């Protein structure tokens, strides 16, 4: 799941009107809000989450405001009653890469005796997707775990999701995305495809991904060129994800130059940059790596001006991760995991976990979609136990940005029906101005 600003690169149509702020609300609504301080505080918090200077389609952090039922649960003081909007689905735990920064490397090593069998069958995929759709999920990201395309049923998963009315996207390292497979995936009409490029120089690419053959860098960039050309006139949003650490930070500028070359041939491409994150410990990227990354991104954005290339940089997230490595971990609290309820993470064996960061840790397991519906899992005592007792609150996490906004909305305390009605009236005005791109993907 992408909960950083770079994720805004997926789709959407720019708004023609500026988003509504509290000062622009209807006069009658402003007068009513003045009589209800708690509602006014919430409306002001909502206004601060929307930048009137930017089109809504690129405002990733505002997506939560377009999910009415979940917002009502939050504002009524029942944040854990919110339902999952986005699901991460691991088709496999197998991967031919061995990235040192991989969140799931330890899980693969721990289950090495099952190597070759850690993938979903077509039958399991069908059941899991049906139960996600029945449980109210709206967007599914096919990811890993491992490399999702090592499961030959990946095109089937995308097709099935679409048939069930789910929006679907694909995260892949691109090594297997040769033209024949790419065509099969495109035929399923995913909302987006993102390749984790991470480097362009063969030596850097090889070292970053734990490989012993530099040819893979050429293979992946050949696949990127093909897909950029192939998606030029399609509705599929195609781009590159780059996670930065000390190994590849100085390869950012060459990567931007290569991406610009691809885009200049008529392709459509974006590059989204964010930091490598250590979810299980304190050590993070250092401030000097952040400074070098930002410097390269400034040049990359300048190069991309007026071209078919877009560069998105999670600058705030880079700073946040670096700062997390310089301080003690924050203590857990009763509300520190409220963002979890809006997302669901499913492992290759259909186990459901508290979050993607804690996936494959048995302490974070909530249930199994082959044995229970999503409704049963969401209403279980086990889920409540895991929420309040197991999360150790890592330095940063994918749900943290969402959680911080939910916590702000909860600060005044639960709203009554009159207060909820006023907030909803303001939200209706806001929503009439447009909507963020890909609200199904938080």
Protein backbone atom coordinates (compact mmCIF):
# COMPACT_ATOMS: atom_id res chain seq x y z
CA UNK A 1 0.00 0.00 0.00
CA UNK A 2 1.22 3.56 -0.85
CA UNK A 3 0.51 6.07 1.78
CA UNK A 4 3.16 8.60 0.86
CA UNK A 5 2.91 11.58 -1.52
CA UNK A 6 4.63 9.69 -4.34
CA UNK A 7 1.64 7.41 -4.57
CA UNK A 8 -0.39 10.31 -5.94
CA UNK A 9 1.13 9.60 -9.33
CA UNK A 10 -1.56 7.02 -10.08
CA UNK A 11 -4.28 8.54 -12.25
CA UNK A 12 -7.13 10.94 -11.71
CA UNK A 13 -8.46 14.05 -13.46
CA UNK A 14 -7.38 17.50 -12.27
CA UNK A 15 -10.09 19.55 -10.60
CA UNK A 16 -11.45 22.57 -12.44
CA UNK A 17 -12.41 24.28 -9.17
CA UNK A 18 -10.31 25.00 -6.11
CA UNK A 19 -11.14 22.63 -3.24
CA UNK A 20 -13.51 24.09 -0.68
CA UNK A 21 -11.99 25.51 2.50
CA UNK A 22 -13.89 26.39 5.64
CA UNK A 23 -13.75 30.08 4.67
CA UNK A 24 -15.42 29.22 1.34
CA UNK A 25 -18.30 27.21 2.77
CA UNK A 26 -21.90 28.35 2.30
CA UNK A 27 -22.70 31.28 4.66
CA UNK A 28 -25.51 29.37 6.35
CA UNK A 29 -23.20 26.45 7.05
CA UNK A 30 -20.54 28.76 8.49
CA UNK A 31 -23.14 30.26 10.83
CA UNK A 32 -24.27 26.82 11.98
CA UNK A 33 -20.70 25.64 12.52
CA UNK A 34 -20.07 28.63 14.79
CA UNK A 35 -22.69 27.16 17.16
CA UNK A 36 -20.97 23.77 17.32
CA UNK A 37 -17.28 24.17 18.28
CA UNK A 38 -16.41 20.48 17.97
CA UNK A 39 -17.78 20.28 14.43
CA UNK A 40 -15.97 23.50 13.52
CA UNK A 41 -12.70 22.07 14.82
CA UNK A 42 -13.16 18.97 12.67
CA UNK A 43 -14.01 21.05 9.60
CA UNK A 44 -10.88 23.14 10.10
CA UNK A 45 -8.83 19.94 10.38
CA UNK A 46 -10.39 18.68 7.15
CA UNK A 47 -9.62 21.99 5.41
CA UNK A 48 -5.97 21.72 6.42
CA UNK A 49 -5.73 18.33 4.70
CA UNK A 50 -6.56 19.81 1.28
CA UNK A 51 -4.21 22.18 -0.56
CA UNK A 52 -6.29 24.71 -2.57
CA UNK A 53 -3.25 25.44 -4.74
CA UNK A 54 -3.03 21.91 -6.12
CA UNK A 55 -5.48 19.83 -8.18
CA UNK A 56 -7.22 17.18 -6.12
CA UNK A 57 -6.01 14.32 -8.29
CA UNK A 58 -2.47 14.59 -6.86
CA UNK A 59 -3.50 14.98 -3.21
CA UNK A 60 -2.98 11.48 -1.87
CA UNK A 61 -3.42 12.47 1.78
CA UNK A 62 -6.95 13.75 1.12
CA UNK A 63 -8.30 10.40 -0.08
CA UNK A 64 -9.72 9.45 3.32
CA UNK A 65 -12.21 12.34 3.03
CA UNK A 66 -14.01 10.56 0.17
CA UNK A 67 -14.91 7.47 2.22
CA UNK A 68 -18.14 8.47 3.95
CA UNK A 69 -18.88 5.41 6.10
CA UNK A 70 -15.37 5.14 7.47
CA UNK A 71 -15.28 8.84 8.28
CA UNK A 72 -18.57 8.56 10.12
CA UNK A 73 -17.12 5.74 12.23
CA UNK A 74 -14.06 7.84 13.06
CA UNK A 75 -16.03 10.97 13.93
CA UNK A 76 -18.48 8.94 16.04
CA UNK A 77 -15.57 7.71 18.17
CA UNK A 78 -15.46 4.19 16.69
CA UNK A 79 -12.30 4.26 14.51
CA UNK A 80 -11.79 0.50 14.56
CA UNK A 81 -15.27 0.01 13.08
CA UNK A 82 -13.95 1.41 9.78
CA UNK A 83 -13.70 -1.12 6.95
CA UNK A 84 -10.81 -1.96 4.68
CA UNK A 85 -10.82 0.05 1.45
CA UNK A 86 -7.50 -1.21 0.06
CA UNK A 87 -6.03 -4.71 0.15
CA UNK A 88 -2.47 -5.83 -0.44
CA UNK A 89 -2.45 -9.34 -1.85
CA UNK A 90 0.72 -11.45 -1.96
CA UNK A 91 0.43 -14.00 -4.74
CA UNK A 92 3.73 -15.53 -3.69
CA UNK A 93 6.61 -15.36 -1.27
CA UNK A 94 9.06 -16.57 -3.93
CA UNK A 95 11.54 -14.08 -5.37
CA UNK A 96 14.64 -14.35 -7.53
CA UNK A 97 16.00 -11.11 -6.05
CA UNK A 98 17.67 -10.84 -2.65
CA UNK A 99 17.45 -7.15 -1.74
CA UNK A 100 19.06 -6.44 1.62
CA UNK A 101 16.30 -3.94 2.42
CA UNK A 102 13.42 -6.35 1.71
CA UNK A 103 10.78 -6.37 4.45
CA UNK A 104 10.07 -10.06 3.81
CA UNK A 105 13.58 -11.47 3.43
CA UNK A 106 13.51 -12.93 6.93
CA UNK A 107 10.14 -14.58 6.21
CA UNK A 108 11.58 -16.29 3.13
CA UNK A 109 14.59 -17.52 5.08
CA UNK A 110 12.39 -18.75 7.92
CA UNK A 111 10.25 -20.80 5.52
CA UNK A 112 13.05 -21.93 3.21
CA UNK A 113 11.92 -25.56 3.57
CA UNK A 114 8.72 -24.56 1.70
CA UNK A 115 10.55 -22.88 -1.19
CA UNK A 116 8.76 -23.43 -4.47
CA UNK A 117 5.40 -24.02 -2.79
CA UNK A 118 4.78 -20.57 -1.31
CA UNK A 119 2.31 -19.34 -3.93
CA UNK A 120 -1.47 -19.02 -4.25
CA UNK A 121 -3.29 -21.42 -6.54
CA UNK A 122 -5.92 -20.18 -8.98
CA UNK A 123 -8.63 -21.62 -6.71
CA UNK A 124 -7.32 -19.81 -3.65
CA UNK A 125 -6.99 -16.54 -5.56
CA UNK A 126 -10.63 -16.77 -6.63
CA UNK A 127 -11.87 -17.38 -3.07
CA UNK A 128 -9.72 -14.65 -1.53
CA UNK A 129 -10.70 -12.00 -4.07
CA UNK A 130 -14.39 -12.89 -3.73
CA UNK A 131 -14.20 -12.52 0.05
CA UNK A 132 -12.34 -9.23 -0.20
CA UNK A 133 -14.99 -7.88 -2.58
CA UNK A 134 -17.82 -9.16 -0.38
CA UNK A 135 -16.14 -7.51 2.60
CA UNK A 136 -16.26 -4.06 1.02
CA UNK A 137 -12.70 -3.77 -0.31
CA UNK A 138 -12.54 -1.51 -3.37
CA UNK A 139 -8.92 -1.65 -4.50
CA UNK A 140 -6.46 -4.57 -4.59
CA UNK A 141 -2.71 -4.23 -5.05
CA UNK A 142 -1.09 -7.39 -6.41
CA UNK A 143 2.29 -7.41 -4.74
CA UNK A 144 4.67 -9.42 -2.54
CA UNK A 145 5.89 -11.00 -0.37
CA UNK A 146 7.93 -12.10 -3.27
CA UNK A 147 7.85 -11.10 -6.93
CA UNK A 148 4.16 -11.47 -7.90
CA UNK A 149 4.93 -12.43 -11.49
CA UNK A 150 6.71 -15.56 -10.27
CA UNK A 151 3.18 -16.81 -9.75
CA UNK A 152 1.91 -17.66 -13.27
CA UNK A 153 -1.64 -16.87 -12.11
CA UNK A 154 -0.95 -13.14 -11.81
CA UNK A 155 -2.91 -12.25 -15.00
CA UNK A 156 -5.81 -14.40 -13.72
CA UNK A 157 -5.77 -12.50 -10.41
CA UNK A 158 -5.99 -9.15 -12.20
CA UNK A 159 -8.78 -10.39 -14.48
CA UNK A 160 -10.75 -11.85 -11.58
CA UNK A 161 -10.44 -8.67 -9.56
CA UNK A 162 -11.85 -6.67 -12.45
CA UNK A 163 -14.74 -9.10 -12.90
CA UNK A 164 -15.60 -8.68 -9.21
CA UNK A 165 -15.72 -4.89 -9.56
CA UNK A 166 -12.41 -4.33 -7.77
CA UNK A 167 -9.88 -1.81 -9.01
CA UNK A 168 -6.50 -3.53 -9.23
CA UNK A 169 -2.86 -2.51 -9.56
CA UNK A 170 0.43 -4.35 -9.85
CA UNK A 171 3.77 -3.81 -8.13
CA UNK A 172 6.61 -5.77 -9.76
CA UNK A 173 10.39 -5.70 -10.10
CA UNK A 174 9.86 -5.96 -13.85
CA UNK A 175 12.34 -8.76 -14.45
CA UNK A 176 9.68 -11.11 -15.83
CA UNK A 177 7.54 -8.51 -17.55
CA UNK A 178 8.53 -9.51 -21.08
CA UNK A 179 6.23 -8.44 -23.94
CA UNK A 180 4.08 -11.59 -24.03
CA UNK A 181 3.30 -11.48 -20.31
CA UNK A 182 2.94 -7.70 -20.40
CA UNK A 183 0.25 -8.02 -23.07
CA UNK A 184 -1.68 -10.55 -20.97
CA UNK A 185 -1.53 -8.25 -17.97
CA UNK A 186 -2.59 -5.21 -19.97
CA UNK A 187 -5.55 -7.20 -21.31
CA UNK A 188 -6.81 -7.38 -17.70
CA UNK A 189 -6.88 -3.54 -17.66
CA UNK A 190 -5.28 -2.85 -14.28
CA UNK A 191 -5.54 0.64 -12.89
CA UNK A 192 -1.77 0.91 -12.65
CA UNK A 193 1.49 -0.96 -13.08
CA UNK A 194 4.53 0.13 -11.12
CA UNK A 195 7.99 -1.34 -11.66
CA UNK A 196 10.46 -1.10 -8.78
CA UNK A 197 13.40 0.13 -10.83
CA UNK A 198 15.69 1.40 -8.02
CA UNK A 199 18.76 1.82 -10.25
CA UNK A 200 19.91 2.03 -13.85
CA UNK A 201 23.68 1.51 -13.70
CA UNK A 202 24.17 -2.29 -14.01
CA UNK A 203 26.67 -2.53 -11.15
CA UNK A 204 24.44 -0.52 -8.79
CA UNK A 205 21.31 -2.39 -9.89
CA UNK A 206 23.02 -5.72 -9.22
CA UNK A 207 24.31 -4.73 -5.80
CA UNK A 208 21.04 -3.16 -4.66
CA UNK A 209 18.99 -6.23 -5.62
CA UNK A 210 21.42 -8.88 -4.36
CA UNK A 211 22.06 -10.33 -7.81
CA UNK A 212 25.16 -11.79 -9.44
CA UNK A 213 24.34 -10.98 -13.08
CA UNK A 214 24.36 -7.40 -14.40
CA UNK A 215 22.28 -8.41 -17.41
CA UNK A 216 19.10 -8.12 -15.33
CA UNK A 217 19.45 -4.34 -15.32
CA UNK A 218 19.31 -4.34 -19.13
CA UNK A 219 16.36 -6.78 -19.17
CA UNK A 220 14.32 -4.66 -16.79
CA UNK A 221 14.94 -1.41 -18.63
CA UNK A 222 14.08 -3.07 -21.94
CA UNK A 223 10.78 -4.11 -20.33
CA UNK A 224 10.27 -0.57 -19.05
CA UNK A 225 10.73 0.82 -22.57
CA UNK A 226 8.25 -1.65 -24.01
CA UNK A 227 5.60 -0.96 -21.39
CA UNK A 228 6.01 2.81 -21.59
CA UNK A 229 5.36 2.66 -25.32
CA UNK A 230 2.53 0.16 -24.95
CA UNK A 231 0.66 2.20 -22.31
CA UNK A 232 1.08 5.53 -24.10
CA UNK A 233 -2.52 5.63 -25.31
CA UNK A 234 -4.09 3.37 -22.69
CA UNK A 235 -5.84 4.10 -19.40
CA UNK A 236 -3.24 2.10 -17.47
CA UNK A 237 -1.02 4.35 -15.36
CA UNK A 238 2.56 3.20 -15.68
CA UNK A 239 5.52 4.32 -13.64
CA UNK A 240 8.63 3.46 -11.71
CA UNK A 241 9.07 3.21 -7.97
CA UNK A 242 12.48 4.01 -6.49
CA UNK A 243 13.35 3.36 -2.86
CA UNK A 244 16.53 5.15 -1.87
CA UNK A 245 19.36 4.12 0.43
CA UNK A 246 23.14 4.57 0.52
CA UNK A 247 23.65 1.98 -2.26
CA UNK A 248 21.62 3.66 -4.99
CA UNK A 249 21.29 7.31 -3.95
CA UNK A 250 24.02 8.47 -6.33
CA UNK A 251 22.37 6.55 -9.17
CA UNK A 252 19.22 8.67 -8.96
CA UNK A 253 20.32 11.25 -11.50
CA UNK A 254 21.36 8.63 -14.11
CA UNK A 255 17.99 6.95 -13.48
CA UNK A 256 16.11 10.20 -14.14
CA UNK A 257 18.11 10.67 -17.34
CA UNK A 258 17.27 7.15 -18.52
CA UNK A 259 13.59 7.62 -17.64
CA UNK A 260 13.58 10.89 -19.57
CA UNK A 261 15.07 9.07 -22.56
CA UNK A 262 12.26 6.50 -22.37
CA UNK A 263 9.60 9.20 -22.11
CA UNK A 264 11.12 11.19 -24.98
CA UNK A 265 10.44 8.31 -27.34
CA UNK A 266 6.74 8.89 -26.97
CA UNK A 267 6.15 6.82 -23.87
CA UNK A 268 4.27 7.94 -20.76
CA UNK A 269 6.16 7.55 -17.51
CA UNK A 270 6.52 8.74 -13.94
CA UNK A 271 9.18 8.16 -11.30
CA UNK A 272 8.13 8.09 -7.64
CA UNK A 273 10.94 8.39 -5.10
CA UNK A 274 10.74 7.43 -1.43
CA UNK A 275 13.15 6.15 1.22
CA UNK A 276 14.06 2.62 2.17
CA UNK A 277 12.48 1.99 5.59
CA UNK A 278 13.59 -0.37 8.33
CA UNK A 279 10.30 -1.40 9.92
CA UNK A 280 11.78 -3.66 12.58
CA UNK A 281 14.52 -1.54 14.08
CA UNK A 282 15.86 1.92 14.71
CA UNK A 283 18.60 2.15 12.03
CA UNK A 284 17.35 4.18 9.05
CA UNK A 285 18.78 6.10 6.12
CA UNK A 286 21.02 8.93 7.29
CA UNK A 287 20.49 12.66 6.80
CA UNK A 288 23.36 12.83 4.29
CA UNK A 289 21.61 10.22 2.09
CA UNK A 290 18.42 12.30 2.28
CA UNK A 291 20.33 15.45 1.29
CA UNK A 292 21.91 13.71 -1.71
CA UNK A 293 18.55 12.26 -2.76
CA UNK A 294 16.82 15.64 -2.57
CA UNK A 295 19.58 17.29 -4.58
CA UNK A 296 19.26 14.69 -7.34
CA UNK A 297 15.47 15.03 -7.32
CA UNK A 298 15.66 18.79 -7.79
CA UNK A 299 17.72 18.20 -10.93
CA UNK A 300 15.42 15.37 -12.02
CA UNK A 301 12.35 17.57 -11.74
CA UNK A 302 14.06 20.31 -13.70
CA UNK A 303 14.99 17.87 -16.46
CA UNK A 304 11.41 16.57 -16.57
CA UNK A 305 9.77 19.99 -17.01
CA UNK A 306 7.78 20.15 -20.23
CA UNK A 307 8.38 16.48 -21.06
CA UNK A 308 6.36 13.28 -20.84
CA UNK A 309 8.11 12.41 -17.58
CA UNK A 310 6.70 13.22 -14.14
CA UNK A 311 8.84 13.08 -11.01
CA UNK A 312 7.15 12.64 -7.63
CA UNK A 313 9.24 12.91 -4.47
CA UNK A 314 8.12 11.96 -0.97
CA UNK A 315 10.33 14.68 0.51
CA UNK A 316 8.50 14.86 3.84
CA UNK A 317 8.71 11.08 4.16
CA UNK A 318 12.46 11.14 3.47
CA UNK A 319 12.91 13.57 6.35
CA UNK A 320 10.58 11.62 8.62
CA UNK A 321 12.40 8.34 8.11
CA UNK A 322 15.82 9.89 8.64
CA UNK A 323 14.60 11.59 11.82
CA UNK A 324 13.16 8.30 13.09
CA UNK A 325 16.65 6.85 13.07
CA UNK A 326 17.83 9.59 15.43
CA UNK A 327 15.23 9.19 18.19
CA UNK A 328 13.68 6.62 20.47
CA UNK A 329 10.63 4.73 19.27
CA UNK A 330 7.31 6.33 20.30
CA UNK A 331 5.30 4.34 22.85
CA UNK A 332 2.22 2.40 21.70
CA UNK A 333 -1.16 3.98 22.46
CA UNK A 334 -4.82 3.04 22.16
CA UNK A 335 -5.15 5.02 18.92
CA UNK A 336 -1.75 4.53 17.31
CA UNK A 337 -3.07 1.89 14.90
CA UNK A 338 -6.35 3.47 13.75
CA UNK A 339 -5.11 3.57 10.15
CA UNK A 340 -5.04 -0.24 10.06
CA UNK A 341 -8.82 -0.51 9.76
CA UNK A 342 -8.80 1.14 6.34
CA UNK A 343 -6.42 -1.45 4.90
CA UNK A 344 -5.99 -5.20 4.85
CA UNK A 345 -2.90 -7.26 4.09
CA UNK A 346 -3.20 -10.85 2.84
CA UNK A 347 -0.32 -13.32 2.67
CA UNK A 348 0.28 -15.98 0.04
CA UNK A 349 -1.52 -18.61 2.19
CA UNK A 350 -4.64 -16.40 2.60
CA UNK A 351 -3.72 -15.38 6.15
CA UNK A 352 -4.85 -11.86 7.03
CA UNK A 353 -2.46 -9.63 8.98
CA UNK A 354 -2.66 -6.42 10.95
CA UNK A 355 -0.48 -4.61 8.41
CA UNK A 356 2.00 -5.17 5.62
CA UNK A 357 4.93 -4.33 7.91
CA UNK A 358 3.92 -7.09 10.34
CA UNK A 359 2.96 -9.61 7.70
CA UNK A 360 4.09 -13.22 8.28
CA UNK A 361 4.64 -12.53 11.98
CA UNK A 362 2.20 -14.91 13.72
CA UNK A 363 1.58 -12.31 16.44
CA UNK A 364 -0.03 -10.06 13.79
CA UNK A 365 -2.26 -12.72 12.23
CA UNK A 366 -5.99 -11.88 12.32
CA UNK A 367 -7.46 -14.92 10.56
CA UNK A 368 -7.60 -16.73 7.22
CA UNK A 369 -9.84 -15.96 4.24
CA UNK A 370 -10.20 -19.62 3.34
CA UNK A 371 -11.74 -20.28 6.75
CA UNK A 372 -13.58 -17.00 7.48
CA UNK A 373 -15.21 -14.12 5.66
CA UNK A 374 -13.63 -10.68 5.98
CA UNK A 375 -16.62 -9.60 8.07
CA UNK A 376 -15.97 -12.44 10.51
CA UNK A 377 -12.30 -11.54 10.77
CA UNK A 378 -13.05 -7.83 11.25
CA UNK A 379 -15.52 -8.57 14.02
CA UNK A 380 -13.38 -11.12 15.83
CA UNK A 381 -11.97 -10.89 19.34
CA UNK A 382 -8.59 -11.89 17.88
CA UNK A 383 -8.45 -8.75 15.77
CA UNK A 384 -9.16 -6.56 18.80
CA UNK A 385 -6.45 -8.40 20.72
CA UNK A 386 -3.89 -7.93 17.97
CA UNK A 387 -4.76 -4.25 17.46
CA UNK A 388 -4.31 -3.36 21.11
CA UNK A 389 -1.65 -5.82 22.15
CA UNK A 390 0.76 -6.71 19.36
CA UNK A 391 1.74 -3.69 17.29
CA UNK A 392 5.03 -2.30 18.58
CA UNK A 393 4.65 0.92 16.58
CA UNK A 394 7.64 0.89 14.24
CA UNK A 395 9.49 4.17 13.59
CA UNK A 396 7.33 4.77 10.52
CA UNK A 397 4.79 2.60 8.74
CA UNK A 398 2.64 2.69 5.63
CA UNK A 399 -0.49 3.57 7.59
CA UNK A 400 1.18 6.24 9.71
CA UNK A 401 0.31 9.22 7.50
CA UNK A 402 -3.31 8.08 7.33
CA UNK A 403 -3.33 7.42 11.07
CA UNK A 404 -2.01 10.89 11.88
CA UNK A 405 -4.90 12.45 9.96
CA UNK A 406 -7.47 10.23 11.61
CA UNK A 407 -6.06 11.13 15.03
CA UNK A 408 -6.45 14.83 14.21
CA UNK A 409 -10.09 14.30 13.28
CA UNK A 410 -10.64 12.50 16.59
CA UNK A 411 -9.09 15.22 18.78
CA UNK A 412 -12.38 17.00 19.65
CA UNK A 413 -13.97 13.71 20.74
CA UNK A 414 -17.04 11.88 19.35
CA UNK A 415 -19.55 14.04 17.49
CA UNK A 416 -23.32 13.82 17.99
CA UNK A 417 -25.81 13.57 15.12
CA UNK A 418 -26.15 17.35 14.65
CA UNK A 419 -22.39 17.81 14.57
CA UNK A 420 -21.96 14.89 12.17
CA UNK A 421 -24.58 16.40 9.87
CA UNK A 422 -22.71 19.71 9.70
CA UNK A 423 -19.40 18.02 8.94
CA UNK A 424 -21.04 15.91 6.25
CA UNK A 425 -22.56 19.04 4.71
CA UNK A 426 -19.10 20.58 4.49
CA UNK A 427 -17.68 17.37 3.04
CA UNK A 428 -20.42 17.35 0.40
CA UNK A 429 -19.32 20.83 -0.71
CA UNK A 430 -15.71 19.68 -0.80
CA UNK A 431 -16.50 16.53 -2.78
CA UNK A 432 -18.46 18.55 -5.35
CA UNK A 433 -15.19 20.18 -6.47
CA UNK A 434 -13.71 16.88 -7.72
CA UNK A 435 -11.87 13.96 -6.20
CA UNK A 436 -8.34 12.66 -5.65
CA UNK A 437 -7.03 10.14 -8.13
CA UNK A 438 -7.45 6.48 -7.28
CA UNK A 439 -9.34 6.90 -3.99
CA UNK A 440 -9.52 3.09 -3.78
CA UNK A 441 -5.76 2.96 -3.13
CA UNK A 442 -4.89 4.53 0.22
